[in-house]
Amino acid sequence: MSALDSIQWKLLHFNQLSLDELYEILKLRVDVFVVEQNCPYPELDNKDRLADVKHLLGLNSQGELIAYTRILPAGVSYPEASIGRVIIAEQGRGKGIAHELMQRSIDVVKTQWPQTSIQIGAQQHLSDFYQQQGFTVNSEMYLEDGIPHIDMLLNL
């Protein structure tokens, strides 16, 4: 059985998250974005709990959070829908889980908001990964919290 076959996917609104799920999401986001990337920034931005925001969780066979995205409707971060906080836990990297996570996230947008494109603010070093998902670069490099980023667009 591959790593992808053993992942249980959950799509939840903020108020559907258990306290344990919320804790695990926030812990993973802080572990990766703040500690691993050595980037102190305001992780809690009041977008997680907005009404139409979706949280996609991937749990491994032990029930541990291994993959996560936050999926936002148009008008929250960009005029288009957006996928952010894209994370694969260290033990899940290099197994194709990120591609599955992004495809599932894109499918959520297509289902929930079929009239919109998807705009993301990507770390520049991951542009090839997002281009494999169909995104195209649509900005110059800019620094966000000291990390080079680019905006990328996926027309649906």
N, C-alpha and C. Protein backbone atom coordinates (compact mmCIF):
# COMPACT_ATOMS: atom_id res chain seq x y z
N MET A 1 0.85 -1.18 0.00
CA MET A 1 0.00 0.00 0.00
C MET A 1 0.89 1.24 0.00
N SER A 2 0.62 2.17 -0.90
CA SER A 2 1.41 3.40 -0.98
C SER A 2 0.97 4.39 0.09
N ALA A 3 1.81 5.40 0.31
CA ALA A 3 1.47 6.44 1.28
C ALA A 3 0.16 7.12 0.91
N LEU A 4 -0.08 7.29 -0.39
CA LEU A 4 -1.32 7.95 -0.83
C LEU A 4 -2.55 7.12 -0.53
N ASP A 5 -2.44 5.80 -0.65
CA ASP A 5 -3.58 4.92 -0.41
C ASP A 5 -4.03 4.92 1.04
N SER A 6 -3.11 5.21 1.94
CA SER A 6 -3.45 5.13 3.36
C SER A 6 -3.92 6.45 3.95
N ILE A 7 -4.00 7.50 3.15
CA ILE A 7 -4.41 8.81 3.68
C ILE A 7 -5.93 8.92 3.71
N GLN A 8 -6.43 9.37 4.84
CA GLN A 8 -7.85 9.69 4.97
C GLN A 8 -7.98 11.20 4.82
N TRP A 9 -8.82 11.63 3.89
CA TRP A 9 -9.00 13.05 3.62
C TRP A 9 -10.27 13.54 4.27
N LYS A 10 -10.20 14.73 4.89
CA LYS A 10 -11.36 15.36 5.51
C LYS A 10 -11.44 16.81 5.03
N LEU A 11 -12.63 17.24 4.63
CA LEU A 11 -12.87 18.63 4.26
C LEU A 11 -13.86 19.19 5.27
N LEU A 12 -13.41 20.20 6.01
CA LEU A 12 -14.21 20.71 7.12
C LEU A 12 -14.25 22.23 7.14
N HIS A 13 -15.34 22.76 7.67
CA HIS A 13 -15.41 24.18 8.02
C HIS A 13 -14.79 24.33 9.41
N PHE A 14 -14.44 25.54 9.77
CA PHE A 14 -13.82 25.80 11.06
C PHE A 14 -14.64 25.24 12.21
N ASN A 15 -15.95 25.47 12.19
CA ASN A 15 -16.79 25.03 13.31
C ASN A 15 -17.01 23.52 13.34
N GLN A 16 -16.55 22.81 12.31
CA GLN A 16 -16.61 21.35 12.30
C GLN A 16 -15.33 20.71 12.82
N LEU A 17 -14.28 21.50 12.97
CA LEU A 17 -13.01 20.96 13.47
C LEU A 17 -13.14 20.63 14.96
N SER A 18 -12.64 19.48 15.35
CA SER A 18 -12.57 19.18 16.78
C SER A 18 -11.44 20.01 17.37
N LEU A 19 -11.41 20.12 18.68
CA LEU A 19 -10.32 20.86 19.32
C LEU A 19 -8.98 20.19 19.01
N ASP A 20 -8.94 18.87 18.99
CA ASP A 20 -7.70 18.16 18.67
C ASP A 20 -7.27 18.43 17.23
N GLU A 21 -8.21 18.43 16.29
CA GLU A 21 -7.87 18.72 14.89
C GLU A 21 -7.34 20.15 14.74
N LEU A 22 -8.00 21.10 15.39
CA LEU A 22 -7.55 22.49 15.33
C LEU A 22 -6.15 22.62 15.91
N TYR A 23 -5.91 21.97 17.04
CA TYR A 23 -4.59 22.02 17.65
C TYR A 23 -3.53 21.46 16.70
N GLU A 24 -3.81 20.30 16.10
CA GLU A 24 -2.85 19.67 15.20
C GLU A 24 -2.59 20.54 13.96
N ILE A 25 -3.61 21.19 13.43
CA ILE A 25 -3.44 22.10 12.29
C ILE A 25 -2.52 23.25 12.67
N LEU A 26 -2.83 23.91 13.77
CA LEU A 26 -2.03 25.06 14.19
C LEU A 26 -0.61 24.65 14.54
N LYS A 27 -0.45 23.50 15.19
CA LYS A 27 0.89 23.01 15.53
C LYS A 27 1.70 22.76 14.26
N LEU A 28 1.11 22.08 13.27
CA LEU A 28 1.83 21.80 12.03
C LEU A 28 2.19 23.10 11.32
N ARG A 29 1.26 24.03 11.25
CA ARG A 29 1.54 25.29 10.57
C ARG A 29 2.67 26.05 11.26
N VAL A 30 2.65 26.10 12.58
CA VAL A 30 3.71 26.80 13.31
C VAL A 30 5.03 26.04 13.18
N ASP A 31 4.98 24.70 13.31
CA ASP A 31 6.21 23.91 13.20
C ASP A 31 6.90 24.15 11.86
N VAL A 32 6.13 24.21 10.78
CA VAL A 32 6.73 24.36 9.45
C VAL A 32 7.02 25.82 9.12
N PHE A 33 6.00 26.66 9.18
CA PHE A 33 6.15 28.03 8.69
C PHE A 33 6.93 28.94 9.64
N VAL A 34 6.81 28.73 10.93
CA VAL A 34 7.49 29.61 11.89
C VAL A 34 8.84 29.02 12.32
N VAL A 35 8.83 27.74 12.76
CA VAL A 35 10.05 27.15 13.31
C VAL A 35 10.98 26.65 12.20
N GLU A 36 10.51 25.73 11.36
CA GLU A 36 11.36 25.14 10.33
C GLU A 36 11.90 26.19 9.36
N GLN A 37 11.04 27.12 8.96
CA GLN A 37 11.45 28.15 8.01
C GLN A 37 12.02 29.38 8.71
N ASN A 38 12.11 29.33 10.04
CA ASN A 38 12.67 30.41 10.83
C ASN A 38 12.08 31.76 10.43
N CYS A 39 10.74 31.82 10.46
CA CYS A 39 10.04 33.00 9.97
C CYS A 39 8.93 33.40 10.96
N PRO A 40 9.28 34.22 11.94
CA PRO A 40 8.22 34.66 12.85
C PRO A 40 7.26 35.61 12.12
N TYR A 41 6.00 35.23 12.10
CA TYR A 41 4.97 36.04 11.45
C TYR A 41 3.64 35.74 12.12
N PRO A 42 2.64 36.58 11.94
CA PRO A 42 1.35 36.37 12.59
C PRO A 42 0.55 35.25 11.90
N GLU A 43 0.76 34.01 12.34
CA GLU A 43 0.12 32.84 11.75
C GLU A 43 -1.41 32.90 11.84
N LEU A 44 -1.92 33.38 12.93
CA LEU A 44 -3.38 33.46 13.10
C LEU A 44 -3.85 34.80 12.54
N ASP A 45 -4.51 34.74 11.39
CA ASP A 45 -4.86 35.95 10.64
C ASP A 45 -6.37 36.21 10.53
N ASN A 46 -7.16 35.51 11.31
CA ASN A 46 -8.62 35.66 11.35
C ASN A 46 -9.32 35.11 10.10
N LYS A 47 -8.60 34.46 9.19
CA LYS A 47 -9.25 33.90 8.00
C LYS A 47 -9.74 32.47 8.22
N ASP A 48 -9.12 31.76 9.14
CA ASP A 48 -9.48 30.35 9.37
C ASP A 48 -10.95 30.16 9.69
N ARG A 49 -11.53 31.07 10.42
CA ARG A 49 -12.89 30.87 10.91
C ARG A 49 -13.97 31.57 10.09
N LEU A 50 -13.61 32.15 8.96
CA LEU A 50 -14.62 32.79 8.10
C LEU A 50 -15.57 31.73 7.56
N ALA A 51 -16.80 32.12 7.31
CA ALA A 51 -17.89 31.19 7.01
C ALA A 51 -17.60 30.22 5.86
N ASP A 52 -17.09 30.69 4.74
CA ASP A 52 -16.94 29.81 3.58
C ASP A 52 -15.55 29.19 3.44
N VAL A 53 -14.67 29.44 4.39
CA VAL A 53 -13.32 28.89 4.33
C VAL A 53 -13.37 27.39 4.62
N LYS A 54 -12.62 26.62 3.84
CA LYS A 54 -12.56 25.17 4.00
C LYS A 54 -11.16 24.77 4.45
N HIS A 55 -11.11 23.70 5.23
CA HIS A 55 -9.85 23.15 5.71
C HIS A 55 -9.77 21.71 5.21
N LEU A 56 -8.74 21.41 4.42
CA LEU A 56 -8.55 20.06 3.91
C LEU A 56 -7.42 19.40 4.69
N LEU A 57 -7.75 18.33 5.36
CA LEU A 57 -6.80 17.61 6.20
C LEU A 57 -6.54 16.24 5.60
N GLY A 58 -5.29 15.83 5.59
CA GLY A 58 -4.90 14.48 5.21
C GLY A 58 -4.28 13.79 6.41
N LEU A 59 -4.89 12.69 6.84
CA LEU A 59 -4.43 11.96 8.02
C LEU A 59 -3.80 10.63 7.58
N ASN A 60 -2.66 10.29 8.17
CA ASN A 60 -2.02 9.02 7.83
C ASN A 60 -2.74 7.88 8.54
N SER A 61 -2.25 6.66 8.34
CA SER A 61 -2.93 5.49 8.90
C SER A 61 -2.94 5.46 10.43
N GLN A 62 -2.08 6.26 11.05
CA GLN A 62 -2.09 6.37 12.52
C GLN A 62 -2.98 7.52 13.00
N GLY A 63 -3.64 8.20 12.06
CA GLY A 63 -4.52 9.30 12.41
C GLY A 63 -3.80 10.62 12.63
N GLU A 64 -2.53 10.70 12.22
CA GLU A 64 -1.74 11.92 12.40
C GLU A 64 -1.93 12.83 11.20
N LEU A 65 -2.00 14.12 11.46
CA LEU A 65 -2.12 15.10 10.39
C LEU A 65 -0.81 15.13 9.61
N ILE A 66 -0.90 14.83 8.31
CA ILE A 66 0.31 14.76 7.48
C ILE A 66 0.25 15.75 6.33
N ALA A 67 -0.96 16.23 5.99
CA ALA A 67 -1.14 17.16 4.87
C ALA A 67 -2.28 18.10 5.20
N TYR A 68 -2.14 19.35 4.71
CA TYR A 68 -3.16 20.36 5.04
C TYR A 68 -3.14 21.49 4.03
N THR A 69 -4.32 22.00 3.69
CA THR A 69 -4.46 23.28 3.01
C THR A 69 -5.66 24.03 3.58
N ARG A 70 -5.59 25.33 3.42
CA ARG A 70 -6.74 26.21 3.74
C ARG A 70 -7.23 26.75 2.41
N ILE A 71 -8.53 26.59 2.15
CA ILE A 71 -9.11 26.95 0.87
C ILE A 71 -10.09 28.10 1.10
N LEU A 72 -9.80 29.23 0.43
CA LEU A 72 -10.56 30.46 0.68
C LEU A 72 -11.37 30.86 -0.55
N PRO A 73 -12.59 31.35 -0.31
CA PRO A 73 -13.40 31.83 -1.43
C PRO A 73 -12.85 33.13 -2.00
N ALA A 74 -13.32 33.49 -3.16
CA ALA A 74 -12.94 34.77 -3.78
C ALA A 74 -13.27 35.91 -2.82
N GLY A 75 -12.39 36.92 -2.83
CA GLY A 75 -12.63 38.11 -2.04
C GLY A 75 -12.04 38.09 -0.64
N VAL A 76 -11.44 36.99 -0.23
CA VAL A 76 -10.84 36.94 1.11
C VAL A 76 -9.38 37.37 1.05
N SER A 77 -8.56 36.67 0.28
CA SER A 77 -7.15 37.05 0.11
C SER A 77 -6.89 37.71 -1.23
N TYR A 78 -7.64 37.29 -2.23
CA TYR A 78 -7.51 37.78 -3.61
C TYR A 78 -8.91 37.91 -4.20
N PRO A 79 -9.03 38.60 -5.34
CA PRO A 79 -10.35 38.64 -6.01
C PRO A 79 -10.82 37.23 -6.42
N GLU A 80 -9.85 36.30 -6.62
CA GLU A 80 -10.17 34.93 -6.97
C GLU A 80 -10.15 34.06 -5.71
N ALA A 81 -10.61 32.83 -5.83
CA ALA A 81 -10.45 31.86 -4.74
C ALA A 81 -8.95 31.65 -4.52
N SER A 82 -8.61 31.08 -3.39
CA SER A 82 -7.20 30.89 -3.07
C SER A 82 -6.99 29.61 -2.26
N ILE A 83 -5.82 29.04 -2.42
CA ILE A 83 -5.39 27.88 -1.64
C ILE A 83 -4.12 28.31 -0.93
N GLY A 84 -4.12 28.16 0.38
CA GLY A 84 -2.95 28.60 1.14
C GLY A 84 -2.63 27.66 2.28
N ARG A 85 -1.59 28.01 3.00
CA ARG A 85 -1.11 27.21 4.12
C ARG A 85 -0.91 25.75 3.68
N VAL A 86 -0.34 25.59 2.50
CA VAL A 86 -0.10 24.27 1.93
C VAL A 86 1.06 23.62 2.69
N ILE A 87 0.78 22.49 3.34
CA ILE A 87 1.80 21.87 4.20
C ILE A 87 1.77 20.35 4.05
N ILE A 88 2.95 19.80 3.97
CA ILE A 88 3.15 18.36 4.12
C ILE A 88 4.09 18.20 5.32
N ALA A 89 3.67 17.41 6.30
CA ALA A 89 4.53 17.15 7.46
C ALA A 89 5.82 16.48 6.98
N GLU A 90 6.90 16.70 7.70
CA GLU A 90 8.21 16.21 7.28
C GLU A 90 8.20 14.72 6.93
N GLN A 91 7.52 13.91 7.72
CA GLN A 91 7.52 12.46 7.46
C GLN A 91 6.73 12.08 6.22
N GLY A 92 5.98 13.01 5.63
CA GLY A 92 5.21 12.72 4.43
C GLY A 92 5.80 13.27 3.15
N ARG A 93 6.89 13.97 3.24
CA ARG A 93 7.47 14.62 2.06
C ARG A 93 8.14 13.61 1.13
N GLY A 94 8.10 13.93 -0.17
CA GLY A 94 8.75 13.10 -1.16
C GLY A 94 7.98 11.85 -1.54
N LYS A 95 6.71 11.79 -1.21
CA LYS A 95 5.90 10.60 -1.47
C LYS A 95 4.72 10.88 -2.40
N GLY A 96 4.69 12.07 -3.00
CA GLY A 96 3.60 12.41 -3.91
C GLY A 96 2.37 12.96 -3.22
N ILE A 97 2.43 13.11 -1.92
CA ILE A 97 1.26 13.56 -1.15
C ILE A 97 0.93 15.01 -1.49
N ALA A 98 1.94 15.83 -1.72
CA ALA A 98 1.70 17.25 -2.03
C ALA A 98 0.89 17.41 -3.31
N HIS A 99 1.19 16.59 -4.31
CA HIS A 99 0.44 16.67 -5.57
C HIS A 99 -1.02 16.27 -5.35
N GLU A 100 -1.24 15.22 -4.58
CA GLU A 100 -2.61 14.79 -4.28
C GLU A 100 -3.34 15.86 -3.48
N LEU A 101 -2.66 16.44 -2.51
CA LEU A 101 -3.25 17.50 -1.69
C LEU A 101 -3.68 18.68 -2.57
N MET A 102 -2.81 19.11 -3.46
CA MET A 102 -3.16 20.24 -4.32
C MET A 102 -4.29 19.89 -5.28
N GLN A 103 -4.27 18.69 -5.86
CA GLN A 103 -5.35 18.32 -6.78
C GLN A 103 -6.68 18.28 -6.06
N ARG A 104 -6.69 17.75 -4.84
CA ARG A 104 -7.93 17.72 -4.06
C ARG A 104 -8.38 19.14 -3.71
N SER A 105 -7.44 20.01 -3.40
CA SER A 105 -7.78 21.40 -3.07
C SER A 105 -8.35 22.12 -4.29
N ILE A 106 -7.74 21.91 -5.45
CA ILE A 106 -8.24 22.50 -6.69
C ILE A 106 -9.65 21.98 -6.98
N ASP A 107 -9.87 20.68 -6.77
CA ASP A 107 -11.20 20.10 -6.98
C ASP A 107 -12.24 20.72 -6.06
N VAL A 108 -11.85 21.04 -4.83
CA VAL A 108 -12.78 21.71 -3.91
C VAL A 108 -13.21 23.05 -4.49
N VAL A 109 -12.25 23.83 -4.98
CA VAL A 109 -12.58 25.13 -5.57
C VAL A 109 -13.51 24.94 -6.76
N LYS A 110 -13.18 23.99 -7.65
CA LYS A 110 -14.02 23.75 -8.83
C LYS A 110 -15.45 23.40 -8.44
N THR A 111 -15.61 22.64 -7.37
CA THR A 111 -16.94 22.23 -6.91
C THR A 111 -17.68 23.35 -6.19
N GLN A 112 -16.98 24.03 -5.28
CA GLN A 112 -17.61 25.04 -4.43
C GLN A 112 -17.85 26.37 -5.15
N TRP A 113 -16.89 26.76 -5.97
CA TRP A 113 -16.94 28.07 -6.62
C TRP A 113 -16.53 27.93 -8.08
N PRO A 114 -17.33 27.30 -8.91
CA PRO A 114 -16.91 26.97 -10.27
C PRO A 114 -16.68 28.17 -11.19
N GLN A 115 -17.14 29.35 -10.82
CA GLN A 115 -16.98 30.53 -11.68
C GLN A 115 -15.71 31.31 -11.40
N THR A 116 -14.81 30.79 -10.57
CA THR A 116 -13.63 31.57 -10.23
C THR A 116 -12.35 30.86 -10.63
N SER A 117 -11.29 31.63 -10.76
CA SER A 117 -9.94 31.09 -10.92
C SER A 117 -9.34 30.95 -9.53
N ILE A 118 -8.11 30.46 -9.46
CA ILE A 118 -7.42 30.30 -8.18
C ILE A 118 -6.13 31.10 -8.22
N GLN A 119 -5.98 31.99 -7.27
CA GLN A 119 -4.78 32.81 -7.12
C GLN A 119 -4.06 32.37 -5.86
N ILE A 120 -2.76 32.19 -5.94
CA ILE A 120 -1.99 31.84 -4.75
C ILE A 120 -0.77 32.75 -4.62
N GLY A 121 -0.31 32.91 -3.41
CA GLY A 121 0.97 33.55 -3.13
C GLY A 121 1.93 32.44 -2.75
N ALA A 122 2.80 32.04 -3.66
CA ALA A 122 3.66 30.88 -3.47
C ALA A 122 5.07 31.29 -3.10
N GLN A 123 5.71 30.49 -2.26
CA GLN A 123 7.12 30.69 -2.04
C GLN A 123 7.83 30.44 -3.37
N GLN A 124 8.68 31.35 -3.75
CA GLN A 124 9.27 31.32 -5.09
C GLN A 124 9.97 29.99 -5.40
N HIS A 125 10.63 29.40 -4.45
CA HIS A 125 11.36 28.15 -4.71
C HIS A 125 10.43 26.98 -5.02
N LEU A 126 9.12 27.15 -4.81
CA LEU A 126 8.14 26.10 -5.10
C LEU A 126 7.39 26.34 -6.40
N SER A 127 7.84 27.31 -7.19
CA SER A 127 7.09 27.66 -8.41
C SER A 127 7.00 26.48 -9.38
N ASP A 128 8.04 25.66 -9.51
CA ASP A 128 7.97 24.50 -10.41
C ASP A 128 6.89 23.52 -9.96
N PHE A 129 6.79 23.29 -8.66
CA PHE A 129 5.74 22.41 -8.13
C PHE A 129 4.36 22.92 -8.52
N TYR A 130 4.12 24.20 -8.31
CA TYR A 130 2.79 24.76 -8.63
C TYR A 130 2.54 24.81 -10.13
N GLN A 131 3.59 25.01 -10.92
CA GLN A 131 3.42 24.97 -12.37
C GLN A 131 2.99 23.57 -12.82
N GLN A 132 3.46 22.54 -12.14
CA GLN A 132 3.02 21.18 -12.45
C GLN A 132 1.53 21.00 -12.18
N GLN A 133 0.98 21.84 -11.32
CA GLN A 133 -0.45 21.79 -11.01
C GLN A 133 -1.27 22.65 -11.98
N GLY A 134 -0.58 23.37 -12.88
CA GLY A 134 -1.27 24.20 -13.87
C GLY A 134 -1.23 25.69 -13.59
N PHE A 135 -0.60 26.10 -12.51
CA PHE A 135 -0.51 27.52 -12.17
C PHE A 135 0.54 28.20 -13.04
N THR A 136 0.31 29.48 -13.33
CA THR A 136 1.29 30.28 -14.05
C THR A 136 1.66 31.49 -13.19
N VAL A 137 2.91 31.90 -13.31
CA VAL A 137 3.40 33.05 -12.54
C VAL A 137 2.75 34.31 -13.10
N ASN A 138 2.21 35.16 -12.21
CA ASN A 138 1.61 36.41 -12.67
C ASN A 138 2.04 37.61 -11.83
N SER A 139 3.25 37.55 -11.27
CA SER A 139 3.80 38.71 -10.57
C SER A 139 5.32 38.60 -10.56
N GLU A 140 5.92 39.70 -10.24
CA GLU A 140 7.35 39.69 -9.96
C GLU A 140 7.55 39.13 -8.55
N MET A 141 8.78 38.74 -8.25
CA MET A 141 9.09 38.28 -6.90
C MET A 141 8.90 39.42 -5.91
N TYR A 142 8.35 39.09 -4.75
CA TYR A 142 8.23 40.05 -3.66
C TYR A 142 8.56 39.33 -2.36
N LEU A 143 8.97 40.09 -1.36
CA LEU A 143 9.25 39.50 -0.06
C LEU A 143 8.00 39.55 0.80
N GLU A 144 7.66 38.40 1.37
CA GLU A 144 6.58 38.33 2.34
C GLU A 144 7.17 37.68 3.58
N ASP A 145 7.19 38.42 4.67
CA ASP A 145 7.78 37.95 5.91
C ASP A 145 9.22 37.49 5.70
N GLY A 146 9.95 38.18 4.81
CA GLY A 146 11.35 37.90 4.56
C GLY A 146 11.62 36.73 3.63
N ILE A 147 10.57 36.13 3.06
CA ILE A 147 10.73 34.97 2.17
C ILE A 147 10.29 35.38 0.77
N PRO A 148 11.10 35.10 -0.26
CA PRO A 148 10.71 35.42 -1.64
C PRO A 148 9.43 34.67 -2.06
N HIS A 149 8.45 35.42 -2.53
CA HIS A 149 7.18 34.87 -2.99
C HIS A 149 6.88 35.36 -4.40
N ILE A 150 5.98 34.67 -5.06
CA ILE A 150 5.41 35.11 -6.34
C ILE A 150 3.92 34.79 -6.31
N ASP A 151 3.16 35.58 -7.04
CA ASP A 151 1.75 35.25 -7.21
C ASP A 151 1.62 34.34 -8.41
N MET A 152 0.69 33.39 -8.30
CA MET A 152 0.47 32.44 -9.39
C MET A 152 -1.04 32.26 -9.57
N LEU A 153 -1.45 32.02 -10.81
CA LEU A 153 -2.86 31.94 -11.15
C LEU A 153 -3.15 30.64 -11.88
N LEU A 154 -4.29 30.03 -11.54
CA LEU A 154 -4.79 28.88 -12.26
C LEU A 154 -6.17 29.24 -12.78
N ASN A 155 -6.29 29.36 -14.09
CA ASN A 155 -7.59 29.64 -14.70
C ASN A 155 -8.34 28.33 -14.83
N LEU A 156 -9.56 28.31 -14.30
CA LEU A 156 -10.36 27.08 -14.35
C LEU A 156 -11.34 27.14 -15.52
